[in-house]
C-alpha atoms as a PDB file:
ATOM      1  CA  MET A   1       0.000   0.000   0.000  1.00  0.00           C
ATOM      2  CA  LYS A   2       1.235   3.459  -0.866  1.00  0.00           C
ATOM      3  CA  ASP A   3       1.632   5.885   2.026  1.00  0.00           C
ATOM      4  CA  SER A   4      -0.795   8.260   0.308  1.00  0.00           C
ATOM      5  CA  ALA A   5      -3.544   5.656   0.719  1.00  0.00           C
ATOM      6  CA  LYS A   6      -3.219   6.036   4.484  1.00  0.00           C
ATOM      7  CA  TYR A   7      -4.742   9.522   4.382  1.00  0.00           C
ATOM      8  CA  ALA A   8      -8.407  10.361   3.896  1.00  0.00           C
ATOM      9  CA  LYS A   9      -9.057  12.652   0.966  1.00  0.00           C
ATOM     10  CA  ILE A  10     -12.241  14.690   1.022  1.00  0.00           C
ATOM     11  CA  VAL A  11     -13.815  16.579  -1.876  1.00  0.00           C
ATOM     12  CA  GLU A  12     -16.983  18.476  -1.073  1.00  0.00           C
ATOM     13  CA  TRP A  13     -19.087  21.241  -2.544  1.00  0.00           C
ATOM     14  CA  SER A  14     -18.692  24.627  -0.853  1.00  0.00           C
ATOM     15  CA  GLU A  15     -21.808  26.790  -1.052  1.00  0.00           C
ATOM     16  CA  GLU A  16     -19.759  29.739   0.190  1.00  0.00           C
ATOM     17  CA  ASP A  17     -17.103  29.389  -2.517  1.00  0.00           C
ATOM     18  CA  GLN A  18     -19.419  27.909  -5.186  1.00  0.00           C
ATOM     19  CA  CYS A  19     -16.865  25.254  -6.097  1.00  0.00           C
ATOM     20  CA  TYR A  20     -15.530  21.875  -5.002  1.00  0.00           C
ATOM     21  CA  VAL A  21     -12.943  21.983  -2.224  1.00  0.00           C
ATOM     22  CA  GLY A  22     -10.450  19.177  -1.605  1.00  0.00           C
ATOM     23  CA  SER A  23      -8.662  18.545   1.685  1.00  0.00           C
ATOM     24  CA  ALA A  24      -6.603  15.876   3.420  1.00  0.00           C
ATOM     25  CA  PRO A  25      -7.146  16.435   7.150  1.00  0.00           C
ATOM     26  CA  GLY A  26      -4.171  15.638   9.298  1.00  0.00           C
ATOM     27  CA  LEU A  27      -1.695  15.875   6.437  1.00  0.00           C
ATOM     28  CA  VAL A  28      -2.293  18.989   4.343  1.00  0.00           C
ATOM     29  CA  VAL A  29      -3.330  22.384   5.663  1.00  0.00           C
ATOM     30  CA  GLY A  30      -5.495  23.955   2.999  1.00  0.00           C
ATOM     31  CA  GLY A  31      -6.012  21.985  -0.158  1.00  0.00           C
ATOM     32  CA  CYS A  32      -7.337  22.722  -3.609  1.00  0.00           C
ATOM     33  CA  HIS A  33     -10.524  23.827  -5.308  1.00  0.00           C
ATOM     34  CA  GLY A  34     -12.217  23.958  -8.688  1.00  0.00           C
ATOM     35  CA  ASP A  35     -15.377  23.462 -10.714  1.00  0.00           C
ATOM     36  CA  ASP A  36     -14.795  19.807 -11.632  1.00  0.00           C
ATOM     37  CA  GLU A  37     -15.115  17.301  -8.767  1.00  0.00           C
ATOM     38  CA  LYS A  38     -12.955  14.646 -10.424  1.00  0.00           C
ATOM     39  CA  GLN A  39     -10.248  17.145 -11.325  1.00  0.00           C
ATOM     40  CA  VAL A  40     -10.170  18.463  -7.744  1.00  0.00           C
ATOM     41  CA  PHE A  41      -9.765  14.905  -6.441  1.00  0.00           C
ATOM     42  CA  GLU A  42      -6.926  14.195  -8.866  1.00  0.00           C
ATOM     43  CA  GLU A  43      -5.177  17.422  -7.854  1.00  0.00           C
ATOM     44  CA  LEU A  44      -5.686  16.570  -4.185  1.00  0.00           C
ATOM     45  CA  CYS A  45      -4.092  13.146  -4.680  1.00  0.00           C
ATOM     46  CA  GLN A  46      -1.060  14.834  -6.253  1.00  0.00           C
ATOM     47  CA  ILE A  47      -0.852  17.319  -3.362  1.00  0.00           C
ATOM     48  CA  VAL A  48      -0.902  14.430  -0.872  1.00  0.00           C
ATOM     49  CA  GLU A  49       1.934  12.682  -2.763  1.00  0.00           C
ATOM     50  CA  GLU A  50       3.955  15.922  -2.769  1.00  0.00           C
ATOM     51  CA  ALA A  51       3.348  16.511   0.938  1.00  0.00           C
ATOM     52  CA  ILE A  52       4.580  13.008   1.762  1.00  0.00           C
ATOM     53  CA  ALA A  53       7.671  13.578  -0.397  1.00  0.00           C
ATOM     54  CA  LEU A  54       8.393  16.806   1.533  1.00  0.00           C
ATOM     55  CA  TYR A  55       8.094  15.020   4.876  1.00  0.00           C
ATOM     56  CA  ARG A  56      10.579  12.410   3.640  1.00  0.00           C
ATOM     57  CA  LYS A  57      12.953  15.020   2.211  1.00  0.00           C
ATOM     58  CA  ASP A  58      12.993  16.830   5.558  1.00  0.00           C
ATOM     59  CA  ASN A  59      13.426  13.516   7.426  1.00  0.00           C
ATOM     60  CA  LYS A  60      10.232  14.167   9.379  1.00  0.00           C
ATOM     61  CA  PRO A  61       7.878  11.378  10.454  1.00  0.00           C
ATOM     62  CA  LEU A  62       4.557  11.265   8.664  1.00  0.00           C
ATOM     63  CA  PRO A  63       1.509  12.362  10.659  1.00  0.00           C
ATOM     64  CA  PRO A  64      -0.773   9.588  11.943  1.00  0.00           C
ATOM     65  CA  ALA A  65      -2.858   7.953   9.231  1.00  0.00           C
ATOM     66  CA  THR A  66      -6.421   9.189   8.838  1.00  0.00           C
ATOM     67  CA  SER A  67      -7.822   6.331   6.742  1.00  0.00           C
ATOM     68  CA  GLY A  68      -8.660   2.861   7.960  1.00  0.00           C
ATOM     69  CA  HIS A  69     -10.806   4.160  10.792  1.00  0.00           C
ATOM     70  CA  ASP A  70     -14.128   3.363   9.070  1.00  0.00           C
ATOM     71  CA  LEU A  71     -14.638   7.113   8.687  1.00  0.00           C
ATOM     72  CA  ALA A  72     -17.307   6.818   5.970  1.00  0.00           C
ATOM     73  CA  ASN A  73     -19.583   4.627   8.065  1.00  0.00           C
ATOM     74  CA  ARG A  74     -19.039   6.710  11.183  1.00  0.00           C
ATOM     75  CA  LEU A  75     -19.996   9.856   9.271  1.00  0.00           C
ATOM     76  CA  GLN A  76     -23.127   8.175   7.916  1.00  0.00           C
ATOM     77  CA  SER A  77     -24.275   7.376  11.444  1.00  0.00           C
ATOM     78  CA  ILE A  78     -24.089  11.088  12.295  1.00  0.00           C
ATOM     79  CA  ALA A  79     -26.157  12.203   9.268  1.00  0.00           C
END
């Protein structure tokens, strides 16, 4: 498994910004945005890969993983 798969990637519509916003909580502060949901997700995946590469370059440990915690089902129980 790639390290990038260990981090949840979220793309959601922002009424305030009137566009899709992508984020990777716990790994990337900020994220990306755009009008095409798929394109935002692809850009977000690239940002996650680049963030991991920067952690490695700086010899810093990666933040704790955010995937694998059954997040989707836990969020559904809240809705």
